[in-house]
Amino acid sequence: MANPDYTAQDVPTCAANLDSMVSLKAVGEIGNPLLELPLLNSLAFAKGVGSVTFARASVATYIDRYGVVQSVAIDVPRFEVNGLLMEGPRTNVLQHNNDPTQGIWSKSNLTPPSTVPGPDGVAGSGTRLLESNDGGAALHALQQNYAGFSDNDLVSGSAYLEADELSWIRLVITGKDGAAHTAFVDFTNGVFGGLFNVTSDQMQLVQLADNWWRVKMNGVDIGSGGTTPFMRIDLATDNGVQLYQGDGTKGINVSRAQLEVGAFASSEIPYVFCPIFLIVNSHNYTPHVA
């Protein structure tokens, strides 16, 4: 039986709409139906002739359409939910960015870290930060310093976090001028609490699979002066409450911390032990059209 909501006069309009939808196809437009052919998460042209080449001199990470962190090899393009991911060169200055057991990390009033499955779903790729049993109010924090920034660099810090017994943290970036830029984050409700020396426009919170989130603090002016800059993650029991008496039973899970020069946080750059210590995330995308 004919659909009573459509008339013969509607047919040209419907056909035009369908043609318009088809013409909106674009490389990497994963918002289109998954069964549409040809597959769009590739470098093939949707229309026309020619070829596209892609190169990147490092391994890299991305978040797939299901909210899971994935890793790819050198020269392999990445497709996120919005399409092809393209980024310029960046360096993560945090050494052992996914291993807080290393001595480069300062740990205040925390028990020895243990491992948990991370945002990639792999056992041991995340770390449980558990408070110590304190005699009074204390700061429970994970921190790494970095002295190599230039005056007034714009830097961005990020980390993957998952609520456990605690659902609040405070992210802190302190500059060469000694100014602390701080943001309280609630990973149960996916909201920010109190902000200090940073605006809501500089903060981003991205939800992933399995209750993981990525928090980003973007474009902080590091200033100038004699203070050694650092990034720190403080456990918190509520908005504004980073000083509290721990009983050794509460914590959060953390993975893949990052601190980099740039106005916004890039995809996670894995730490690799090599002579230069850190990997650079760089891309070269060159289309060739016949």
Protein backbone atom coordinates (compact mmCIF):
# COMPACT_ATOMS: atom_id res chain seq x y z
CA MET A 1 0.00 0.00 0.00
CA ALA A 2 1.24 3.47 -0.81
CA ASN A 3 2.59 5.56 2.05
CA PRO A 4 -0.13 8.18 2.78
CA ASP A 5 2.52 10.67 3.90
CA TYR A 6 3.91 10.99 0.36
CA THR A 7 2.24 12.10 -2.88
CA ALA A 8 3.34 12.03 -6.48
CA GLN A 9 4.36 15.68 -6.11
CA ASP A 10 6.84 14.70 -3.39
CA VAL A 11 8.78 12.25 -5.52
CA PRO A 12 11.06 14.81 -7.28
CA THR A 13 11.84 16.46 -3.93
CA CYS A 14 12.68 13.11 -2.31
CA ALA A 15 14.89 12.18 -5.25
CA ALA A 16 16.68 15.52 -5.04
CA ASN A 17 17.24 15.04 -1.32
CA LEU A 18 18.64 11.57 -1.90
CA ASP A 19 20.98 12.86 -4.58
CA SER A 20 22.10 15.62 -2.23
CA MET A 21 22.82 13.10 0.51
CA VAL A 22 24.91 10.98 -1.84
CA SER A 23 26.86 13.99 -3.07
CA LEU A 24 27.84 14.88 0.50
CA LYS A 25 30.14 11.88 0.68
CA ALA A 26 33.64 12.82 1.76
CA VAL A 27 36.83 11.01 2.62
CA GLY A 28 36.59 9.75 6.19
CA GLU A 29 32.96 10.83 6.75
CA ILE A 30 32.20 8.06 9.20
CA GLY A 31 28.84 9.64 10.02
CA ASN A 32 27.49 7.95 6.88
CA PRO A 33 26.01 4.43 7.19
CA LEU A 34 28.63 1.80 7.98
CA LEU A 35 27.49 -0.45 5.12
CA GLU A 36 27.76 2.22 2.43
CA LEU A 37 30.14 1.24 -0.36
CA PRO A 38 32.81 2.17 -1.17
CA LEU A 39 34.14 2.36 2.39
CA LEU A 40 34.87 5.96 3.24
CA ASN A 41 37.51 5.53 5.94
CA SER A 42 40.17 5.29 3.26
CA LEU A 43 42.14 7.69 1.08
CA ALA A 44 40.20 6.78 -2.06
CA PHE A 45 38.50 9.66 -3.86
CA ALA A 46 34.71 9.58 -3.64
CA LYS A 47 34.60 11.15 -7.10
CA GLY A 48 37.05 11.84 -9.90
CA VAL A 49 40.38 10.26 -10.75
CA GLY A 50 43.86 10.41 -9.29
CA SER A 51 45.57 9.14 -6.16
CA VAL A 52 46.46 10.26 -2.65
CA THR A 53 49.61 9.41 -0.74
CA PHE A 54 50.13 9.70 3.02
CA ALA A 55 53.24 9.71 5.19
CA ARG A 56 53.97 10.13 8.92
CA ALA A 57 57.39 9.54 10.46
CA SER A 58 56.15 8.12 13.76
CA VAL A 59 53.76 5.68 15.36
CA ALA A 60 50.59 7.43 16.53
CA THR A 61 47.30 7.02 18.40
CA TYR A 62 43.70 7.94 17.76
CA ILE A 63 40.21 7.37 19.22
CA ASP A 64 38.09 5.11 17.03
CA ARG A 65 34.35 5.42 16.37
CA TYR A 66 33.64 3.26 19.44
CA GLY A 67 35.59 5.46 21.86
CA VAL A 68 38.57 3.12 22.18
CA VAL A 69 42.16 4.37 21.95
CA GLN A 70 44.00 2.69 19.07
CA SER A 71 47.63 2.71 17.94
CA VAL A 72 48.92 2.65 14.36
CA ALA A 73 52.32 2.14 12.79
CA ILE A 74 54.45 4.59 10.82
CA ASP A 75 52.73 5.88 7.65
CA VAL A 76 49.30 4.47 8.56
CA PRO A 77 46.50 7.11 8.37
CA ARG A 78 44.06 7.48 11.26
CA PHE A 79 40.29 7.82 10.98
CA GLU A 80 38.32 9.13 13.95
CA VAL A 81 34.56 9.62 14.19
CA ASN A 82 34.76 12.86 12.18
CA GLY A 83 37.08 11.50 9.50
CA LEU A 84 40.77 11.58 8.68
CA LEU A 85 42.90 12.87 11.58
CA MET A 86 45.64 15.29 10.47
CA GLU A 87 48.07 16.89 12.94
CA GLY A 88 51.30 18.83 12.83
CA PRO A 89 54.51 17.84 14.61
CA ARG A 90 54.34 17.76 18.42
CA THR A 91 56.52 16.47 21.28
CA ASN A 92 55.24 15.07 24.55
CA VAL A 93 57.73 16.35 27.13
CA LEU A 94 56.54 13.95 29.85
CA GLN A 95 58.92 11.02 30.08
CA HIS A 96 57.41 7.59 30.84
CA ASN A 97 54.03 9.22 30.25
CA ASN A 98 52.19 5.96 30.87
CA ASP A 99 54.30 4.56 33.71
CA PRO A 100 53.93 6.48 37.00
CA THR A 101 56.11 3.89 38.77
CA GLN A 102 59.17 5.57 37.20
CA GLY A 103 61.22 7.89 39.37
CA ILE A 104 60.69 10.87 37.04
CA TRP A 105 57.18 11.06 38.53
CA SER A 106 56.78 12.66 41.96
CA LYS A 107 54.12 10.86 44.00
CA SER A 108 52.69 12.62 47.06
CA ASN A 109 50.73 10.57 49.61
CA LEU A 110 49.98 7.77 47.14
CA THR A 111 50.42 4.03 47.64
CA PRO A 112 52.65 2.22 45.09
CA PRO A 113 50.75 2.35 41.76
CA SER A 114 49.18 -0.82 40.38
CA THR A 115 48.00 -1.48 36.82
CA VAL A 116 44.47 -1.69 35.38
CA PRO A 117 43.07 -2.00 31.83
CA GLY A 118 43.47 1.36 30.07
CA PRO A 119 41.40 3.31 27.52
CA ASP A 120 42.65 0.95 24.80
CA GLY A 121 41.15 -2.02 26.67
CA VAL A 122 44.57 -3.61 27.14
CA ALA A 123 45.42 -5.06 30.55
CA GLY A 124 48.13 -3.04 32.29
CA SER A 125 47.89 0.05 30.05
CA GLY A 126 46.28 2.11 32.83
CA THR A 127 47.44 2.86 36.37
CA ARG A 128 45.45 2.96 39.60
CA LEU A 129 46.33 5.96 41.76
CA LEU A 130 45.38 5.06 45.33
CA GLU A 131 45.54 7.48 48.25
CA SER A 132 47.73 6.73 51.26
CA ASN A 133 46.46 6.29 54.81
CA ASP A 134 47.07 9.76 56.25
CA GLY A 135 47.18 11.16 59.73
CA GLY A 136 45.50 14.36 58.58
CA ALA A 137 44.49 16.40 55.56
CA ALA A 138 46.98 15.93 52.73
CA LEU A 139 47.51 16.38 48.98
CA HIS A 140 47.44 13.12 47.01
CA ALA A 141 49.14 13.91 43.73
CA LEU A 142 51.11 12.70 40.71
CA GLN A 143 53.51 15.28 39.23
CA GLN A 144 56.24 15.64 36.61
CA ASN A 145 58.44 18.71 36.11
CA TYR A 146 59.89 19.97 32.84
CA ALA A 147 62.46 22.76 32.64
CA GLY A 148 62.82 23.01 28.85
CA PHE A 149 60.03 25.45 27.97
CA SER A 150 60.84 28.86 26.52
CA ASP A 151 59.45 32.03 28.06
CA ASN A 152 55.75 32.56 27.31
CA ASP A 153 55.29 29.27 25.48
CA LEU A 154 51.66 28.24 25.07
CA VAL A 155 51.38 24.71 26.43
CA SER A 156 48.59 22.14 26.67
CA GLY A 157 48.22 19.29 29.13
CA SER A 158 46.01 16.21 28.93
CA ALA A 159 45.44 12.77 30.42
CA TYR A 160 43.01 9.86 30.22
CA LEU A 161 41.17 9.28 33.50
CA GLU A 162 38.55 6.92 34.87
CA ALA A 163 36.55 7.31 38.09
CA ASP A 164 36.85 4.59 40.71
CA GLU A 165 36.06 5.22 44.38
CA LEU A 166 36.81 8.87 43.62
CA SER A 167 35.28 10.72 40.68
CA TRP A 168 36.95 14.15 41.06
CA ILE A 169 40.48 15.28 40.24
CA ARG A 170 42.21 18.63 39.95
CA LEU A 171 44.44 19.14 36.89
CA VAL A 172 47.25 21.63 37.49
CA ILE A 173 49.76 23.24 35.12
CA THR A 174 52.20 25.62 36.82
CA GLY A 175 54.29 27.97 34.69
CA LYS A 176 57.73 29.54 34.82
CA ASP A 177 56.14 32.54 36.52
CA GLY A 178 54.89 30.33 39.38
CA ALA A 179 51.23 30.83 38.42
CA ALA A 180 49.06 27.72 38.84
CA HIS A 181 46.36 27.03 36.24
CA THR A 182 43.87 24.59 37.74
CA ALA A 183 40.61 22.84 36.87
CA PHE A 184 38.45 20.47 38.93
CA VAL A 185 36.93 17.67 36.85
CA ASP A 186 34.02 15.34 37.67
CA PHE A 187 34.32 12.06 35.72
CA THR A 188 30.98 10.68 36.90
CA ASN A 189 28.90 13.48 35.39
CA GLY A 190 31.39 14.68 32.78
CA VAL A 191 31.56 18.30 33.97
CA PHE A 192 34.12 20.82 35.16
CA GLY A 193 34.03 22.37 38.60
CA GLY A 194 36.09 25.30 39.78
CA LEU A 195 38.56 26.86 37.35
CA PHE A 196 41.49 29.10 38.32
CA ASN A 197 43.67 31.02 35.84
CA VAL A 198 42.01 29.11 33.00
CA THR A 199 38.72 29.63 31.16
CA SER A 200 36.02 27.16 30.22
CA ASP A 201 36.97 27.72 26.55
CA GLN A 202 40.42 26.28 27.31
CA MET A 203 39.02 23.09 28.84
CA GLN A 204 37.83 20.00 26.98
CA LEU A 205 36.41 16.72 28.25
CA VAL A 206 36.02 13.80 25.81
CA GLN A 207 34.09 10.66 26.77
CA LEU A 208 35.47 7.29 25.70
CA ALA A 209 34.44 3.68 26.13
CA ASP A 210 34.35 1.88 29.50
CA ASN A 211 33.91 5.08 31.54
CA TRP A 212 37.26 6.57 30.48
CA TRP A 213 37.52 10.29 29.72
CA ARG A 214 40.24 12.46 28.24
CA VAL A 215 40.65 15.83 29.93
CA LYS A 216 42.51 18.63 28.13
CA MET A 217 43.76 22.01 29.35
CA ASN A 218 44.61 24.00 26.22
CA GLY A 219 46.78 27.01 25.48
CA VAL A 220 48.18 27.94 28.90
CA ASP A 221 50.76 30.78 28.82
CA ILE A 222 53.75 29.42 30.71
CA GLY A 223 55.01 32.93 31.49
CA SER A 224 58.59 33.73 32.46
CA GLY A 225 60.55 33.44 35.67
CA GLY A 226 62.56 31.04 37.78
CA THR A 227 59.95 28.38 38.59
CA THR A 228 60.33 24.96 36.98
CA PRO A 229 57.03 24.24 35.17
CA PHE A 230 55.11 21.07 35.93
CA MET A 231 51.87 19.22 35.35
CA ARG A 232 50.10 17.58 38.29
CA ILE A 233 47.01 15.43 38.86
CA ASP A 234 45.49 15.81 42.34
CA LEU A 235 42.94 13.36 43.75
CA ALA A 236 39.86 15.17 45.08
CA THR A 237 36.79 14.13 47.04
CA ASP A 238 34.58 16.89 45.61
CA ASN A 239 34.72 20.17 43.72
CA GLY A 240 37.32 22.34 45.46
CA VAL A 241 38.42 19.60 47.88
CA GLN A 242 41.91 18.41 46.95
CA LEU A 243 43.19 18.40 50.55
CA TYR A 244 41.63 15.59 52.57
CA GLN A 245 42.51 12.78 54.94
CA GLY A 246 42.90 9.53 53.03
CA ASP A 247 42.24 6.08 54.48
CA GLY A 248 44.06 4.08 51.81
CA THR A 249 40.93 2.81 50.04
CA LYS A 250 40.04 5.47 47.44
CA GLY A 251 41.53 6.36 44.07
CA ILE A 252 41.17 6.90 40.33
CA ASN A 253 42.67 5.34 37.20
CA VAL A 254 44.98 7.30 34.91
CA SER A 255 46.67 6.67 31.56
CA ARG A 256 48.80 8.45 28.92
CA ALA A 257 49.53 11.84 30.46
CA GLN A 258 50.78 14.48 28.05
CA LEU A 259 52.31 17.97 28.16
CA GLU A 260 53.27 19.74 24.94
CA VAL A 261 53.94 23.12 23.38
CA GLY A 262 50.86 24.15 21.43
CA ALA A 263 47.55 25.99 21.66
CA PHE A 264 45.60 22.72 21.94
CA ALA A 265 46.28 19.13 22.99
CA SER A 266 47.09 16.72 20.16
CA SER A 267 46.45 12.98 20.11
CA GLU A 268 48.47 11.04 22.66
CA ILE A 269 52.16 10.71 21.78
CA PRO A 270 53.62 7.52 23.27
CA TYR A 271 56.90 7.67 25.16
CA VAL A 272 59.59 5.60 23.44
CA PHE A 273 62.98 4.95 25.01
CA CYS A 274 65.49 6.04 22.38
CA PRO A 275 68.37 8.55 22.17
CA ILE A 276 65.98 11.49 21.81
CA PHE A 277 63.60 9.96 24.41
CA LEU A 278 60.45 11.29 22.81
CA ILE A 279 58.58 10.65 19.62
CA VAL A 280 57.44 13.44 17.33
CA ASN A 281 53.96 13.24 15.83
CA SER A 282 54.24 14.58 12.27
CA HIS A 283 52.30 14.10 9.07
CA ASN A 284 52.64 14.76 5.37
CA TYR A 285 49.53 14.46 3.23
CA THR A 286 50.05 14.95 -0.50
CA PRO A 287 47.21 14.53 -3.03
CA HIS A 288 48.04 13.82 -6.65
CA VAL A 289 45.22 14.38 -9.11
CA ALA A 290 45.51 13.27 -12.72
